Amino acid sequence: MIESVKEQWLTALRSGEYEQAQGTLYEDGGYCCLGVLCDIAVKNDAIPEPTDFPYPRWDGVIRTDVTRRAYMAEKMVLPAAVAEWAGLTDVDPMVNVPEEDYDTELVVSVEKHLSELNDDGSTFAELADLIEAQL
């Protein structure tokens, strides 16, 4: 990963300025960790402004329309142009995380996508530590 882009991403993830969201790059003011990188790419004129679109959310009874954002038509992973600009080889980079094997109770290293870790509840600070060490 290009070091200057990485530093911007780490600073943004640790800044407290971004609210965290799950399941999409952006929703109603919140960002996935990959969405934060997309926002940085926009601010650096690496890609065009995103497109906002309404998205229906159901809680089982009530429908609420939320605003989601597409970056170069991508809603869940990095656009290829952002990955290339950042010097990443994947639109959803993988990192190694420790995980307990329930059969043996041993802690093993498992590769997981950043989006998966974001959506499973890892904080931006935790994700920043993984990105800093492994990308």
Protein backbone atom coordinates (compact mmCIF):
# COMPACT_ATOMS: atom_id res chain seq x y z
CA MET A 1 0.00 0.00 0.00
CA ILE A 2 1.22 3.50 -0.75
CA GLU A 3 2.50 4.89 2.55
CA SER A 4 1.07 8.41 2.20
CA VAL A 5 -2.42 7.04 1.48
CA LYS A 6 -2.10 4.56 4.33
CA GLU A 7 -1.22 7.39 6.75
CA GLN A 8 -4.27 9.39 5.65
CA TRP A 9 -6.49 6.32 6.11
CA LEU A 10 -5.09 5.49 9.55
CA THR A 11 -5.43 9.11 10.68
CA ALA A 12 -9.04 9.23 9.47
CA LEU A 13 -9.99 5.91 11.12
CA ARG A 14 -8.47 7.02 14.44
CA SER A 15 -9.74 10.61 14.31
CA GLY A 16 -13.23 10.05 15.67
CA GLU A 17 -14.59 12.17 12.81
CA TYR A 18 -16.19 9.21 11.02
CA GLU A 19 -19.21 7.39 12.36
CA GLN A 20 -19.03 3.65 11.67
CA ALA A 21 -21.63 1.83 9.58
CA GLN A 22 -22.02 -1.79 8.52
CA GLY A 23 -23.06 -3.53 5.32
CA THR A 24 -22.29 -0.71 2.89
CA LEU A 25 -19.59 1.85 2.13
CA TYR A 26 -21.80 4.70 3.42
CA GLU A 27 -25.21 5.01 5.04
CA ASP A 28 -26.81 8.08 6.63
CA GLY A 29 -23.56 9.68 7.77
CA GLY A 30 -21.79 6.44 8.69
CA TYR A 31 -18.96 4.75 6.81
CA CYS A 32 -17.51 1.27 6.54
CA CYS A 33 -13.71 1.31 6.93
CA LEU A 34 -13.52 0.96 3.13
CA GLY A 35 -15.93 3.85 2.73
CA VAL A 36 -13.54 6.02 4.73
CA LEU A 37 -10.82 5.24 2.16
CA CYS A 38 -13.26 6.13 -0.63
CA ASP A 39 -13.99 9.47 1.06
CA ILE A 40 -10.26 10.16 1.26
CA ALA A 41 -9.91 9.29 -2.45
CA VAL A 42 -12.65 11.82 -3.29
CA LYS A 43 -10.95 14.50 -1.17
CA ASN A 44 -7.69 13.80 -3.06
CA ASP A 45 -9.47 14.05 -6.45
CA ALA A 46 -8.59 10.42 -7.20
CA ILE A 47 -12.22 9.56 -8.00
CA PRO A 48 -15.39 11.60 -8.65
CA GLU A 49 -17.94 12.53 -5.99
CA PRO A 50 -20.18 9.60 -4.98
CA THR A 51 -23.82 9.20 -5.97
CA ASP A 52 -26.41 9.21 -3.18
CA PHE A 53 -29.43 6.93 -3.50
CA PRO A 54 -32.40 6.07 -1.26
CA TYR A 55 -32.38 2.63 0.30
CA PRO A 56 -35.33 1.03 2.11
CA ARG A 57 -34.59 -0.43 5.52
CA TRP A 58 -37.11 -2.67 7.28
CA ASP A 59 -37.15 -3.39 10.99
CA GLY A 60 -39.82 -6.05 10.48
CA VAL A 61 -42.73 -3.63 10.65
CA ILE A 62 -41.71 -0.14 9.60
CA ARG A 63 -39.95 0.91 6.42
CA THR A 64 -37.46 3.73 6.73
CA ASP A 65 -35.67 5.22 3.76
CA VAL A 66 -31.99 5.81 4.43
CA THR A 67 -29.37 7.38 2.20
CA ARG A 68 -26.61 5.19 0.88
CA ARG A 69 -23.75 6.20 -1.36
CA ALA A 70 -22.17 4.56 -4.40
CA TYR A 71 -18.56 5.32 -5.25
CA MET A 72 -18.09 4.75 -8.98
CA ALA A 73 -21.11 2.38 -8.82
CA GLU A 74 -19.61 0.34 -5.94
CA LYS A 75 -21.64 0.07 -2.75
CA MET A 76 -19.90 -2.69 -0.77
CA VAL A 77 -16.21 -2.81 -1.74
CA LEU A 78 -13.61 -0.38 -3.04
CA PRO A 79 -13.90 0.69 -6.64
CA ALA A 80 -10.94 -0.69 -8.59
CA ALA A 81 -9.76 2.89 -9.16
CA VAL A 82 -9.51 3.48 -5.39
CA ALA A 83 -7.64 0.22 -4.81
CA GLU A 84 -5.20 1.12 -7.58
CA TRP A 85 -4.78 4.72 -6.30
CA ALA A 86 -4.07 3.39 -2.80
CA GLY A 87 -1.66 0.72 -4.02
CA LEU A 88 -3.84 -2.18 -2.89
CA THR A 89 -4.08 -5.44 -4.81
CA ASP A 90 -7.65 -6.22 -3.73
CA VAL A 91 -10.92 -4.26 -3.59
CA ASP A 92 -11.58 -5.81 -0.16
CA PRO A 93 -8.14 -6.38 1.41
CA MET A 94 -7.55 -9.29 3.75
CA VAL A 95 -5.68 -9.27 7.04
CA ASN A 96 -4.76 -12.01 9.50
CA VAL A 97 -6.62 -12.06 12.80
CA PRO A 98 -6.37 -14.44 15.75
CA GLU A 99 -9.35 -16.70 16.19
CA GLU A 100 -10.03 -19.56 18.57
CA ASP A 101 -10.52 -22.98 17.02
CA TYR A 102 -13.54 -24.29 18.91
CA ASP A 103 -12.57 -27.94 18.44
CA THR A 104 -9.03 -27.64 19.78
CA GLU A 105 -9.36 -24.34 21.73
CA LEU A 106 -6.11 -23.24 20.10
CA VAL A 107 -5.77 -19.71 18.79
CA VAL A 108 -5.04 -19.74 15.08
CA SER A 109 -4.45 -17.00 12.52
CA VAL A 110 -7.31 -16.60 10.05
CA GLU A 111 -7.47 -14.36 6.95
CA LYS A 112 -10.52 -12.11 6.87
CA HIS A 113 -11.69 -9.28 4.64
CA LEU A 114 -11.67 -5.80 6.17
CA SER A 115 -15.36 -5.41 5.27
CA GLU A 116 -16.19 -8.60 7.17
CA LEU A 117 -14.33 -7.43 10.27
CA ASN A 118 -16.00 -4.02 10.02
CA ASP A 119 -19.46 -5.58 9.71
CA ASP A 120 -18.79 -8.05 12.54
CA GLY A 121 -18.11 -5.23 15.00
CA SER A 122 -14.39 -4.47 14.92
CA THR A 123 -13.92 -0.79 15.76
CA PHE A 124 -12.17 1.67 13.49
CA ALA A 125 -9.28 1.76 15.99
CA GLU A 126 -8.93 -2.04 15.87
CA LEU A 127 -9.10 -2.01 12.07
CA ALA A 128 -6.52 0.79 11.89
CA ASP A 129 -4.12 -1.32 13.97
CA LEU A 130 -4.53 -4.25 11.57
CA ILE A 131 -4.11 -2.05 8.49
CA GLU A 132 -1.03 -0.39 9.98
CA ALA A 133 0.63 -3.73 10.75
CA GLN A 134 -0.36 -5.71 7.65
CA LEU A 135 -1.02 -3.53 4.61
